[in-house]
Structure formats: structure tokens, C-alpha cells
Amino acid sequence: MAGEVSVERHVLQTIERLACIQKQLSNQNSFQTAARELLEWCTDIRAFQRQFETALINCLTIVSQVAPQGGYDLDLGYRLLAVCAAHRDKLSQKSSGM
């Protein structure tokens, strides 16, 4: 029982962190830090578990929208999207097609 609570708590904390990262990705001043954190997180295959998918896709959507804009880091955004594309087979069919 304690293990279940711990896992559930970890999942909720991770989803909350991804929501914070999503907000930071929208800001030029915090984009690089947030994108680097997300890039590091996505190098772990566990990042692509179903319970994180919606939050991850939300972050990647923001990256794809803002990275090409002036003041953001297109190369970093591309690297992040490339890492996730390499693992898209771990995502649902709907998300993997995005």
C-alpha cells in the first residue's frame, strides 16, 4: 500500500513539474533552462510512460510553436523534438502522429 502511494505521488509530482516546464517554455527568459531540463528528462525512457504523455505532448507543442521565433533557441528545440521523435513508438498512436 505504501509503495502505491509513493508511486502515485511521484506521478503527480512529475505531472506538476511538467506543467511548470510548459509555462517556462513559453517565456524567452526561461526557455533554455526549461528545454534543457525537458531534454534531459526525455533521455530516460520512463519519460514516455502513458501517465506522462499528455503533459509531455503539451510541452512539445509549445516547443514546436515558440522555438522558431526570435529570442528562442531553435537548435535546442530541434534537439528536444528529435529525441522525442526517436521514442515516439512508446507513445499512443494519436500522440506519435503529432
Protein backbone atom coordinates (compact mmCIF):
# COMPACT_ATOMS: atom_id res chain seq x y z
CA MET A 1 0.00 0.00 0.00
CA ALA A 2 2.78 2.45 0.90
CA GLY A 3 4.51 1.67 -2.39
CA GLU A 4 1.35 2.52 -4.36
CA VAL A 5 1.00 5.86 -2.60
CA SER A 6 4.66 6.63 -3.27
CA VAL A 7 4.35 5.82 -6.97
CA GLU A 8 1.13 7.81 -7.29
CA ARG A 9 2.73 10.74 -5.54
CA HIS A 10 5.75 10.57 -7.84
CA VAL A 11 3.49 10.56 -10.90
CA LEU A 12 1.54 13.58 -9.65
CA GLN A 13 4.72 15.48 -8.81
CA THR A 14 6.15 14.75 -12.24
CA ILE A 15 2.99 15.92 -13.98
CA GLU A 16 3.03 19.11 -11.89
CA ARG A 17 6.69 19.68 -12.83
CA LEU A 18 5.89 19.19 -16.50
CA ALA A 19 3.11 21.80 -16.18
CA CYS A 20 5.67 24.25 -14.74
CA ILE A 21 8.10 23.44 -17.55
CA GLN A 22 5.33 24.04 -20.07
CA LYS A 23 4.81 27.56 -18.71
CA GLN A 24 8.55 28.23 -18.66
CA LEU A 25 8.89 27.13 -22.28
CA SER A 26 6.56 29.95 -23.31
CA ASN A 27 8.88 32.58 -21.87
CA GLN A 28 12.03 33.65 -23.74
CA ASN A 29 13.91 34.18 -20.48
CA SER A 30 13.26 30.67 -19.17
CA PHE A 31 13.00 28.70 -22.42
CA GLN A 32 16.58 27.40 -22.49
CA THR A 33 16.59 26.22 -18.89
CA ALA A 34 13.19 24.54 -19.24
CA ALA A 35 14.03 22.97 -22.59
CA ARG A 36 17.31 21.60 -21.26
CA GLU A 37 15.55 20.11 -18.24
CA LEU A 38 12.95 18.53 -20.50
CA LEU A 39 15.64 17.26 -22.88
CA GLU A 40 17.47 15.60 -20.01
CA TRP A 41 14.22 14.10 -18.71
CA CYS A 42 13.37 12.74 -22.18
CA THR A 43 16.66 10.84 -22.40
CA ASP A 44 15.13 8.46 -19.85
CA ILE A 45 12.70 6.04 -21.47
CA ARG A 46 10.40 6.35 -18.45
CA ALA A 47 9.50 9.85 -19.67
CA PHE A 48 7.34 8.23 -22.32
CA GLN A 49 5.04 6.34 -19.97
CA ARG A 50 1.33 6.79 -20.61
CA GLN A 51 0.66 8.73 -17.41
CA PHE A 52 3.06 11.49 -18.55
CA GLU A 53 2.05 11.55 -22.20
CA THR A 54 -0.45 14.41 -22.19
CA ALA A 55 1.84 16.69 -20.17
CA LEU A 56 4.81 15.79 -22.38
CA ILE A 57 2.89 16.43 -25.59
CA ASN A 58 1.72 19.78 -24.20
CA CYS A 59 5.35 20.75 -23.60
CA LEU A 60 6.46 19.58 -27.04
CA THR A 61 3.64 21.53 -28.67
CA ILE A 62 4.87 24.72 -27.01
CA VAL A 63 8.45 23.96 -28.09
CA SER A 64 7.39 23.45 -31.70
CA GLN A 65 5.46 26.74 -31.65
CA VAL A 66 7.99 29.02 -29.98
CA ALA A 67 11.45 27.61 -30.82
CA PRO A 68 11.46 29.05 -34.38
CA GLN A 69 10.64 32.53 -33.07
CA GLY A 70 13.29 35.16 -32.48
CA GLY A 71 14.71 35.10 -28.96
CA TYR A 72 14.24 31.35 -28.53
CA ASP A 73 16.71 28.58 -29.27
CA LEU A 74 15.73 26.76 -32.46
CA ASP A 75 18.61 24.27 -32.23
CA LEU A 76 17.71 23.27 -28.68
CA GLY A 77 14.06 22.94 -29.64
CA TYR A 78 15.00 20.78 -32.61
CA ARG A 79 17.20 18.52 -30.47
CA LEU A 80 14.39 18.07 -27.95
CA LEU A 81 11.85 17.23 -30.63
CA ALA A 82 14.31 14.84 -32.30
CA VAL A 83 14.92 12.92 -29.06
CA CYS A 84 11.19 12.56 -28.54
CA ALA A 85 10.59 11.58 -32.16
CA ALA A 86 13.10 8.77 -31.72
CA HIS A 87 10.91 7.39 -28.93
CA ARG A 88 7.52 8.05 -30.47
CA ASP A 89 6.85 4.32 -30.69
CA LYS A 90 6.41 4.48 -26.89
CA LEU A 91 3.52 6.96 -27.24
CA SER A 92 -0.08 6.36 -28.16
CA GLN A 93 -0.93 6.27 -31.86
CA LYS A 94 -2.55 9.69 -31.64
CA SER A 95 0.44 11.32 -29.95
CA SER A 96 3.05 9.57 -32.06
CA GLY A 97 1.50 11.02 -35.19
CA MET A 98 1.77 14.60 -34.00
